[in-house]
PDB file of all heavy atoms in Angstrom:
ATOM      1  N   LEU A   1      91.761  53.551  82.952  1.00  0.00           N
ATOM      2  CA  LEU A   1      91.711  52.661  81.696  1.00  0.00           C
ATOM      3  C   LEU A   1      90.350  52.332  81.284  1.00  0.00           C
ATOM      4  O   LEU A   1      90.057  51.582  80.344  1.00  0.00           O
ATOM      5  CB  LEU A   1      92.507  51.410  82.042  1.00  0.00           C
ATOM      6  CG  LEU A   1      94.082  51.503  82.215  1.00  0.00           C
ATOM      7  CD1 LEU A   1      94.637  50.244  82.636  1.00  0.00           C
ATOM      8  CD2 LEU A   1      94.595  51.960  80.810  1.00  0.00           C
ATOM      9  N   GLY A   2      89.265  52.861  82.042  1.00  0.00           N
ATOM     10  CA  GLY A   2      87.935  52.551  81.676  1.00  0.00           C
ATOM     11  C   GLY A   2      87.472  51.175  82.108  1.00  0.00           C
ATOM     12  O   GLY A   2      86.344  50.689  81.676  1.00  0.00           O
ATOM     13  N   ARG A   3      88.247  50.542  82.993  1.00  0.00           N
ATOM     14  CA  ARG A   3      87.842  49.179  83.456  1.00  0.00           C
ATOM     15  C   ARG A   3      87.079  49.367  84.811  1.00  0.00           C
ATOM     16  O   ARG A   3      87.584  49.057  85.850  1.00  0.00           O
ATOM     17  CB  ARG A   3      89.019  48.317  83.534  1.00  0.00           C
ATOM     18  CG  ARG A   3      89.750  48.131  82.191  1.00  0.00           C
ATOM     19  CD  ARG A   3      91.148  47.530  82.272  1.00  0.00           C
ATOM     20  NE  ARG A   3      91.062  46.095  82.714  1.00  0.00           N
ATOM     21  CZ  ARG A   3      92.131  45.334  82.835  1.00  0.00           C
ATOM     22  NH1 ARG A   3      93.355  45.809  82.575  1.00  0.00           N
ATOM     23  NH2 ARG A   3      91.987  44.068  83.310  1.00  0.00           N
ATOM     24  N   ASP A   4      85.846  49.829  84.661  1.00  0.00           N
ATOM     25  CA  ASP A   4      85.135  50.288  85.892  1.00  0.00           C
ATOM     26  C   ASP A   4      84.805  49.154  86.883  1.00  0.00           C
ATOM     27  O   ASP A   4      84.888  49.371  88.070  1.00  0.00           O
ATOM     28  CB  ASP A   4      83.895  50.977  85.499  1.00  0.00           C
ATOM     29  CG  ASP A   4      84.135  52.318  84.812  1.00  0.00           C
ATOM     30  OD1 ASP A   4      85.296  52.779  84.751  1.00  0.00           O
ATOM     31  OD2 ASP A   4      83.137  53.018  84.467  1.00  0.00           O
ATOM     32  N   GLU A   5      84.541  48.036  86.407  1.00  0.00           N
ATOM     33  CA  GLU A   5      84.167  46.912  87.264  1.00  0.00           C
ATOM     34  C   GLU A   5      85.435  46.524  88.148  1.00  0.00           C
ATOM     35  O   GLU A   5      85.273  46.271  89.361  1.00  0.00           O
ATOM     36  CB  GLU A   5      83.692  45.683  86.536  1.00  0.00           C
ATOM     37  CG  GLU A   5      82.267  45.807  85.944  1.00  0.00           C
ATOM     38  CD  GLU A   5      81.731  44.641  85.338  1.00  0.00           C
ATOM     39  OE1 GLU A   5      82.371  43.529  85.483  1.00  0.00           O
ATOM     40  OE2 GLU A   5      80.708  44.633  84.635  1.00  0.00           O
ATOM     41  N   LYS A   6      86.534  46.429  87.507  1.00  0.00           N
ATOM     42  CA  LYS A   6      87.767  46.087  88.327  1.00  0.00           C
ATOM     43  C   LYS A   6      88.123  47.260  89.239  1.00  0.00           C
ATOM     44  O   LYS A   6      88.614  47.025  90.371  1.00  0.00           O
ATOM     45  CB  LYS A   6      89.025  45.845  87.348  1.00  0.00           C
ATOM     46  CG  LYS A   6      88.867  44.470  86.626  1.00  0.00           C
ATOM     47  CD  LYS A   6      90.201  44.139  85.823  1.00  0.00           C
ATOM     48  CE  LYS A   6      91.277  43.776  86.827  1.00  0.00           C
ATOM     49  NZ  LYS A   6      91.049  42.590  87.508  1.00  0.00           N
ATOM     50  N   ALA A   7      87.935  48.539  88.816  1.00  0.00           N
ATOM     51  CA  ALA A   7      88.191  49.639  89.628  1.00  0.00           C
ATOM     52  C   ALA A   7      87.340  49.624  90.918  1.00  0.00           C
ATOM     53  O   ALA A   7      87.818  49.797  92.005  1.00  0.00           O
ATOM     54  CB  ALA A   7      88.006  50.952  88.873  1.00  0.00           C
ATOM     55  N   GLU A   8      86.031  49.356  90.702  1.00  0.00           N
ATOM     56  CA  GLU A   8      85.138  49.358  91.815  1.00  0.00           C
ATOM     57  C   GLU A   8      85.490  48.225  92.843  1.00  0.00           C
ATOM     58  O   GLU A   8      85.532  48.400  93.978  1.00  0.00           O
ATOM     59  CB  GLU A   8      83.707  48.967  91.330  1.00  0.00           C
ATOM     60  CG  GLU A   8      82.646  49.075  92.388  1.00  0.00           C
ATOM     61  CD  GLU A   8      81.261  48.841  91.848  1.00  0.00           C
ATOM     62  OE1 GLU A   8      81.090  48.680  90.596  1.00  0.00           O
ATOM     63  OE2 GLU A   8      80.246  49.005  92.673  1.00  0.00           O
ATOM     64  N   ALA A   9      85.891  47.058  92.272  1.00  0.00           N
ATOM     65  CA  ALA A   9      86.276  45.945  93.139  1.00  0.00           C
ATOM     66  C   ALA A   9      87.568  46.341  93.918  1.00  0.00           C
ATOM     67  O   ALA A   9      87.647  45.938  95.117  1.00  0.00           O
ATOM     68  CB  ALA A   9      86.596  44.685  92.243  1.00  0.00           C
ATOM     69  N   GLU A  10      88.519  47.017  93.338  1.00  0.00           N
ATOM     70  CA  GLU A  10      89.714  47.352  94.089  1.00  0.00           C
ATOM     71  C   GLU A  10      89.388  48.385  95.161  1.00  0.00           C
ATOM     72  O   GLU A  10      89.966  48.311  96.285  1.00  0.00           O
ATOM     73  CB  GLU A  10      90.730  47.909  93.139  1.00  0.00           C
ATOM     74  CG  GLU A  10      91.309  46.888  92.102  1.00  0.00           C
ATOM     75  CD  GLU A  10      92.031  45.798  92.721  1.00  0.00           C
ATOM     76  OE1 GLU A  10      92.538  45.914  93.887  1.00  0.00           O
ATOM     77  OE2 GLU A  10      92.161  44.677  92.162  1.00  0.00           O
ATOM     78  N   PHE A  11      88.574  49.319  94.898  1.00  0.00           N
ATOM     79  CA  PHE A  11      88.201  50.352  95.923  1.00  0.00           C
ATOM     80  C   PHE A  11      87.476  49.608  97.130  1.00  0.00           C
ATOM     81  O   PHE A  11      87.748  49.919  98.283  1.00  0.00           O
ATOM     82  CB  PHE A  11      87.265  51.413  95.379  1.00  0.00           C
ATOM     83  CG  PHE A  11      87.967  52.325  94.395  1.00  0.00           C
ATOM     84  CD1 PHE A  11      87.407  52.641  93.197  1.00  0.00           C
ATOM     85  CD2 PHE A  11      89.243  52.867  94.632  1.00  0.00           C
ATOM     86  CE1 PHE A  11      87.978  53.516  92.314  1.00  0.00           C
ATOM     87  CE2 PHE A  11      89.895  53.706  93.790  1.00  0.00           C
ATOM     88  CZ  PHE A  11      89.246  54.040  92.600  1.00  0.00           C
ATOM     89  N   ARG A  12      86.644  48.628  96.793  1.00  0.00           N
ATOM     90  CA  ARG A  12      85.975  47.905  97.803  1.00  0.00           C
ATOM     91  C   ARG A  12      86.952  47.088  98.640  1.00  0.00           C
ATOM     92  O   ARG A  12      86.756  46.974  99.938  1.00  0.00           O
ATOM     93  CB  ARG A  12      84.886  46.986  97.209  1.00  0.00           C
ATOM     94  CG  ARG A  12      83.716  47.713  96.581  1.00  0.00           C
ATOM     95  CD  ARG A  12      82.926  48.440  97.651  1.00  0.00           C
ATOM     96  NE  ARG A  12      81.804  49.158  97.008  1.00  0.00           N
ATOM     97  CZ  ARG A  12      81.031  50.106  97.637  1.00  0.00           C
ATOM     98  NH1 ARG A  12      81.237  50.263  98.948  1.00  0.00           N
ATOM     99  NH2 ARG A  12      80.070  50.707  97.005  1.00  0.00           N
ATOM    100  N   LYS A  13      87.952  46.540  98.004  1.00  0.00           N
ATOM    101  CA  LYS A  13      89.065  45.819  98.771  1.00  0.00           C
ATOM    102  C   LYS A  13      89.809  46.741  99.737  1.00  0.00           C
ATOM    103  O   LYS A  13      90.100  46.376 100.846  1.00  0.00           O
ATOM    104  CB  LYS A  13      89.960  45.142  97.785  1.00  0.00           C
ATOM    105  CG  LYS A  13      89.409  43.966  96.981  1.00  0.00           C
ATOM    106  CD  LYS A  13      90.364  43.379  96.013  1.00  0.00           C
ATOM    107  CE  LYS A  13      89.770  42.292  95.168  1.00  0.00           C
ATOM    108  NZ  LYS A  13      90.719  41.798  94.129  1.00  0.00           N
ATOM    109  N   ASP A  14      90.035  47.912  99.227  1.00  0.00           N
ATOM    110  CA  ASP A  14      90.778  48.883 100.121  1.00  0.00           C
ATOM    111  C   ASP A  14      89.946  49.317 101.216  1.00  0.00           C
ATOM    112  O   ASP A  14      90.448  49.590 102.330  1.00  0.00           O
ATOM    113  CB  ASP A  14      91.296  50.040  99.330  1.00  0.00           C
ATOM    114  CG  ASP A  14      92.468  50.746 100.005  1.00  0.00           C
ATOM    115  OD1 ASP A  14      93.580  50.045 100.132  1.00  0.00           O
ATOM    116  OD2 ASP A  14      92.295  51.901 100.426  1.00  0.00           O
ATOM    117  N   ILE A  15      88.646  49.495 101.003  1.00  0.00           N
ATOM    118  CA  ILE A  15      87.740  49.852 102.081  1.00  0.00           C
ATOM    119  C   ILE A  15      87.720  48.743 103.239  1.00  0.00           C
ATOM    120  O   ILE A  15      87.666  49.130 104.383  1.00  0.00           O
ATOM    121  CB  ILE A  15      86.342  50.032 101.574  1.00  0.00           C
ATOM    122  CG1 ILE A  15      86.133  51.341 100.764  1.00  0.00           C
ATOM    123  CG2 ILE A  15      85.292  49.995 102.704  1.00  0.00           C
ATOM    124  CD1 ILE A  15      84.836  51.508 100.035  1.00  0.00           C
ATOM    125  N   ALA A  16      87.874  47.529 102.826  1.00  0.00           N
ATOM    126  CA  ALA A  16      87.942  46.469 103.804  1.00  0.00           C
ATOM    127  C   ALA A  16      89.162  46.598 104.703  1.00  0.00           C
ATOM    128  O   ALA A  16      89.157  46.273 105.874  1.00  0.00           O
ATOM    129  CB  ALA A  16      87.983  45.088 103.078  1.00  0.00           C
ATOM    130  N   LEU A  17      90.280  47.163 104.084  1.00  0.00           N
ATOM    131  CA  LEU A  17      91.512  47.340 104.848  1.00  0.00           C
ATOM    132  C   LEU A  17      91.551  48.670 105.579  1.00  0.00           C
ATOM    133  O   LEU A  17      92.105  48.839 106.643  1.00  0.00           O
ATOM    134  CB  LEU A  17      92.761  47.290 103.891  1.00  0.00           C
ATOM    135  CG  LEU A  17      93.044  45.943 103.265  1.00  0.00           C
ATOM    136  CD1 LEU A  17      94.192  46.086 102.231  1.00  0.00           C
ATOM    137  CD2 LEU A  17      93.522  45.002 104.333  1.00  0.00           C
ATOM    138  N   GLU A  18      90.953  49.718 105.010  1.00  0.00           N
ATOM    139  CA  GLU A  18      90.991  51.030 105.498  1.00  0.00           C
ATOM    140  C   GLU A  18      89.525  51.631 105.570  1.00  0.00           C
ATOM    141  O   GLU A  18      89.199  52.503 104.720  1.00  0.00           O
ATOM    142  CB  GLU A  18      91.876  51.993 104.619  1.00  0.00           C
ATOM    143  CG  GLU A  18      93.393  51.643 104.704  1.00  0.00           C
ATOM    144  CD  GLU A  18      93.959  52.015 106.065  1.00  0.00           C
ATOM    145  OE1 GLU A  18      93.573  52.959 106.585  1.00  0.00           O
ATOM    146  OE2 GLU A  18      94.815  51.220 106.460  1.00  0.00           O
ATOM    147  N   PRO A  19      88.713  51.132 106.438  1.00  0.00           N
ATOM    148  CA  PRO A  19      87.279  51.502 106.406  1.00  0.00           C
ATOM    149  C   PRO A  19      87.038  53.094 106.707  1.00  0.00           C
ATOM    150  O   PRO A  19      85.981  53.568 106.423  1.00  0.00           O
ATOM    151  CB  PRO A  19      86.630  50.658 107.512  1.00  0.00           C
ATOM    152  CG  PRO A  19      87.779  50.257 108.414  1.00  0.00           C
ATOM    153  CD  PRO A  19      88.998  50.192 107.487  1.00  0.00           C
ATOM    154  N   ASP A  20      87.979  53.751 107.274  1.00  0.00           N
ATOM    155  CA  ASP A  20      87.869  55.162 107.617  1.00  0.00           C
ATOM    156  C   ASP A  20      88.409  56.050 106.563  1.00  0.00           C
ATOM    157  O   ASP A  20      88.621  57.243 106.912  1.00  0.00           O
ATOM    158  CB  ASP A  20      88.451  55.476 108.994  1.00  0.00           C
ATOM    159  CG  ASP A  20      87.694  54.724 110.121  1.00  0.00           C
ATOM    160  OD1 ASP A  20      86.464  54.454 109.958  1.00  0.00           O
ATOM    161  OD2 ASP A  20      88.364  54.393 111.191  1.00  0.00           O
ATOM    162  N   LEU A  21      88.766  55.590 105.417  1.00  0.00           N
ATOM    163  CA  LEU A  21      89.444  56.403 104.421  1.00  0.00           C
ATOM    164  C   LEU A  21      88.365  56.969 103.467  1.00  0.00           C
ATOM    165  O   LEU A  21      87.758  56.232 102.716  1.00  0.00           O
ATOM    166  CB  LEU A  21      90.423  55.554 103.654  1.00  0.00           C
ATOM    167  CG  LEU A  21      91.248  56.312 102.566  1.00  0.00           C
ATOM    168  CD1 LEU A  21      92.216  57.304 103.229  1.00  0.00           C
ATOM    169  CD2 LEU A  21      92.071  55.345 101.728  1.00  0.00           C
ATOM    170  N   ALA A  22      88.237  58.304 103.515  1.00  0.00           N
ATOM    171  CA  ALA A  22      87.273  58.947 102.668  1.00  0.00           C
ATOM    172  C   ALA A  22      87.557  58.781 101.206  1.00  0.00           C
ATOM    173  O   ALA A  22      86.660  58.757 100.335  1.00  0.00           O
ATOM    174  CB  ALA A  22      87.134  60.456 103.062  1.00  0.00           C
ATOM    175  N   ASP A  23      88.894  58.707 100.843  1.00  0.00           N
ATOM    176  CA  ASP A  23      89.334  58.767  99.422  1.00  0.00           C
ATOM    177  C   ASP A  23      88.659  57.641  98.622  1.00  0.00           C
ATOM    178  O   ASP A  23      88.357  57.821  97.411  1.00  0.00           O
ATOM    179  CB  ASP A  23      90.790  58.707  99.335  1.00  0.00           C
ATOM    180  CG  ASP A  23      91.476  59.808 100.012  1.00  0.00           C
ATOM    181  OD1 ASP A  23      91.509  59.856 101.226  1.00  0.00           O
ATOM    182  OD2 ASP A  23      91.967  60.693  99.311  1.00  0.00           O
ATOM    183  N   ASN A  24      88.518  56.448  99.244  1.00  0.00           N
ATOM    184  CA  ASN A  24      87.930  55.344  98.501  1.00  0.00           C
ATOM    185  C   ASN A  24      86.544  55.720  98.087  1.00  0.00           C
ATOM    186  O   ASN A  24      86.092  55.392  96.923  1.00  0.00           O
ATOM    187  CB  ASN A  24      87.887  54.068  99.375  1.00  0.00           C
ATOM    188  CG  ASN A  24      89.198  53.346  99.385  1.00  0.00           C
ATOM    189  OD1 ASN A  24      89.776  53.036  98.295  1.00  0.00           O
ATOM    190  ND2 ASN A  24      89.743  53.140 100.577  1.00  0.00           N
ATOM    191  N   TYR A  25      85.703  56.219  98.980  1.00  0.00           N
ATOM    192  CA  TYR A  25      84.287  56.645  98.709  1.00  0.00           C
ATOM    193  C   TYR A  25      84.269  57.804  97.644  1.00  0.00           C
ATOM    194  O   TYR A  25      83.388  57.818  96.850  1.00  0.00           O
ATOM    195  CB  TYR A  25      83.563  56.991  99.932  1.00  0.00           C
ATOM    196  CG  TYR A  25      83.432  55.840 100.900  1.00  0.00           C
ATOM    197  CD1 TYR A  25      84.169  55.651 102.037  1.00  0.00           C
ATOM    198  CD2 TYR A  25      82.448  54.869 100.607  1.00  0.00           C
ATOM    199  CE1 TYR A  25      84.015  54.584 102.836  1.00  0.00           C
ATOM    200  CE2 TYR A  25      82.318  53.722 101.435  1.00  0.00           C
ATOM    201  CZ  TYR A  25      83.032  53.629 102.528  1.00  0.00           C
ATOM    202  OH  TYR A  25      82.868  52.560 103.365  1.00  0.00           O
ATOM    203  N   GLU A  26      85.298  58.692  97.742  1.00  0.00           N
ATOM    204  CA  GLU A  26      85.370  59.791  96.789  1.00  0.00           C
ATOM    205  C   GLU A  26      85.507  59.221  95.344  1.00  0.00           C
ATOM    206  O   GLU A  26      84.871  59.689  94.413  1.00  0.00           O
ATOM    207  CB  GLU A  26      86.487  60.727  97.071  1.00  0.00           C
ATOM    208  CG  GLU A  26      86.288  61.611  98.299  1.00  0.00           C
ATOM    209  CD  GLU A  26      87.560  62.445  98.523  1.00  0.00           C
ATOM    210  OE1 GLU A  26      88.345  62.545  97.665  1.00  0.00           O
ATOM    211  OE2 GLU A  26      87.622  62.962  99.654  1.00  0.00           O
ATOM    212  N   GLN A  27      86.397  58.297  95.226  1.00  0.00           N
ATOM    213  CA  GLN A  27      86.728  57.703  93.916  1.00  0.00           C
ATOM    214  C   GLN A  27      85.480  56.904  93.399  1.00  0.00           C
ATOM    215  O   GLN A  27      85.111  56.930  92.284  1.00  0.00           O
ATOM    216  CB  GLN A  27      87.969  56.822  93.950  1.00  0.00           C
ATOM    217  CG  GLN A  27      89.243  57.558  94.229  1.00  0.00           C
ATOM    218  CD  GLN A  27      89.426  58.695  93.183  1.00  0.00           C
ATOM    219  OE1 GLN A  27      89.531  58.419  91.916  1.00  0.00           O
ATOM    220  NE2 GLN A  27      89.600  59.955  93.652  1.00  0.00           N
ATOM    221  N   LEU A  28      84.809  56.172  94.339  1.00  0.00           N
ATOM    222  CA  LEU A  28      83.603  55.501  93.895  1.00  0.00           C
ATOM    223  C   LEU A  28      82.538  56.435  93.461  1.00  0.00           C
ATOM    224  O   LEU A  28      81.802  56.284  92.526  1.00  0.00           O
ATOM    225  CB  LEU A  28      83.047  54.676  95.063  1.00  0.00           C
ATOM    226  CG  LEU A  28      83.807  53.358  95.416  1.00  0.00           C
ATOM    227  CD1 LEU A  28      83.310  52.766  96.646  1.00  0.00           C
ATOM    228  CD2 LEU A  28      83.633  52.318  94.259  1.00  0.00           C
ATOM    229  N   ALA A  29      82.460  57.623  94.161  1.00  0.00           N
ATOM    230  CA  ALA A  29      81.452  58.613  93.707  1.00  0.00           C
ATOM    231  C   ALA A  29      81.812  59.118  92.353  1.00  0.00           C
ATOM    232  O   ALA A  29      80.885  59.278  91.496  1.00  0.00           O
ATOM    233  CB  ALA A  29      81.456  59.770  94.762  1.00  0.00           C
ATOM    234  N   LEU A  30      83.104  59.371  92.088  1.00  0.00           N
ATOM    235  CA  LEU A  30      83.519  59.804  90.802  1.00  0.00           C
ATOM    236  C   LEU A  30      83.153  58.812  89.718  1.00  0.00           C
ATOM    237  O   LEU A  30      82.690  59.106  88.579  1.00  0.00           O
ATOM    238  CB  LEU A  30      85.001  60.180  90.722  1.00  0.00           C
ATOM    239  CG  LEU A  30      85.418  61.369  91.525  1.00  0.00           C
ATOM    240  CD1 LEU A  30      86.893  61.407  91.672  1.00  0.00           C
ATOM    241  CD2 LEU A  30      84.889  62.722  90.857  1.00  0.00           C
ATOM    242  N   LEU A  31      83.417  57.503  90.020  1.00  0.00           N
ATOM    243  CA  LEU A  31      83.185  56.398  89.085  1.00  0.00           C
ATOM    244  C   LEU A  31      81.694  56.352  88.796  1.00  0.00           C
ATOM    245  O   LEU A  31      81.236  56.225  87.628  1.00  0.00           O
ATOM    246  CB  LEU A  31      83.767  55.122  89.689  1.00  0.00           C
ATOM    247  CG  LEU A  31      83.751  53.935  88.794  1.00  0.00           C
ATOM    248  CD1 LEU A  31      84.881  52.962  89.158  1.00  0.00           C
ATOM    249  CD2 LEU A  31      82.418  53.102  88.932  1.00  0.00           C
ATOM    250  N   TYR A  32      80.908  56.311  89.872  1.00  0.00           N
ATOM    251  CA  TYR A  32      79.455  56.223  89.665  1.00  0.00           C
ATOM    252  C   TYR A  32      78.851  57.446  88.975  1.00  0.00           C
ATOM    253  O   TYR A  32      77.959  57.270  88.094  1.00  0.00           O
ATOM    254  CB  TYR A  32      78.766  56.087  91.054  1.00  0.00           C
ATOM    255  CG  TYR A  32      79.079  54.756  91.783  1.00  0.00           C
ATOM    256  CD1 TYR A  32      79.164  54.788  93.155  1.00  0.00           C
ATOM    257  CD2 TYR A  32      79.278  53.586  91.128  1.00  0.00           C
ATOM    258  CE1 TYR A  32      79.464  53.610  93.897  1.00  0.00           C
ATOM    259  CE2 TYR A  32      79.652  52.416  91.786  1.00  0.00           C
ATOM    260  CZ  TYR A  32      79.658  52.475  93.195  1.00  0.00           C
ATOM    261  OH  TYR A  32      80.050  51.274  93.782  1.00  0.00           O
ATOM    262  N   ASN A  33      79.399  58.593  89.257  1.00  0.00           N
ATOM    263  CA  ASN A  33      78.986  59.816  88.602  1.00  0.00           C
ATOM    264  C   ASN A  33      79.194  59.669  87.112  1.00  0.00           C
ATOM    265  O   ASN A  33      78.323  60.085  86.279  1.00  0.00           O
ATOM    266  CB  ASN A  33      79.644  60.998  89.132  1.00  0.00           C
ATOM    267  CG  ASN A  33      79.303  62.266  88.461  1.00  0.00           C
ATOM    268  OD1 ASN A  33      78.102  62.733  88.535  1.00  0.00           O
ATOM    269  ND2 ASN A  33      80.270  62.898  87.832  1.00  0.00           N
ATOM    270  N   ARG A  34      80.386  59.213  86.706  1.00  0.00           N
ATOM    271  CA  ARG A  34      80.727  59.097  85.367  1.00  0.00           C
ATOM    272  C   ARG A  34      79.769  58.131  84.568  1.00  0.00           C
ATOM    273  O   ARG A  34      79.369  58.291  83.426  1.00  0.00           O
ATOM    274  CB  ARG A  34      82.169  58.613  85.222  1.00  0.00           C
ATOM    275  CG  ARG A  34      82.666  58.541  83.787  1.00  0.00           C
ATOM    276  CD  ARG A  34      84.175  58.290  83.747  1.00  0.00           C
ATOM    277  NE  ARG A  34      84.524  56.928  84.183  1.00  0.00           N
ATOM    278  CZ  ARG A  34      85.735  56.489  84.382  1.00  0.00           C
ATOM    279  NH1 ARG A  34      86.808  57.289  84.201  1.00  0.00           N
ATOM    280  NH2 ARG A  34      85.976  55.273  84.739  1.00  0.00           N
ATOM    281  N   ALA A  35      79.318  57.151  85.318  1.00  0.00           N
ATOM    282  CA  ALA A  35      78.409  56.146  84.738  1.00  0.00           C
ATOM    283  C   ALA A  35      77.002  56.527  84.864  1.00  0.00           C
ATOM    284  O   ALA A  35      76.032  55.722  84.464  1.00  0.00           O
ATOM    285  CB  ALA A  35      78.671  54.751  85.318  1.00  0.00           C
ATOM    286  N   ARG A  36      76.670  57.690  85.485  1.00  0.00           N
ATOM    287  CA  ARG A  36      75.294  58.150  85.723  1.00  0.00           C
ATOM    288  C   ARG A  36      74.532  57.178  86.688  1.00  0.00           C
ATOM    289  O   ARG A  36      73.346  57.051  86.549  1.00  0.00           O
ATOM    290  CB  ARG A  36      74.582  58.361  84.429  1.00  0.00           C
ATOM    291  CG  ARG A  36      75.185  59.355  83.516  1.00  0.00           C
ATOM    292  CD  ARG A  36      75.234  60.729  84.144  1.00  0.00           C
ATOM    293  NE  ARG A  36      75.843  61.803  83.364  1.00  0.00           N
ATOM    294  CZ  ARG A  36      75.249  62.560  82.493  1.00  0.00           C
ATOM    295  NH1 ARG A  36      73.925  62.478  82.388  1.00  0.00           N
ATOM    296  NH2 ARG A  36      75.855  63.506  81.781  1.00  0.00           N
TER     297      ARG A  36
END
């Protein structure tokens, strides 16, 4: 939906629950890449 700040916050919350999950970092990488 293009709501990047909320997206980033949600991925960080999931990292707190699942610190060994690569997918959260992958999505953050995609988000940061899109924003340069």
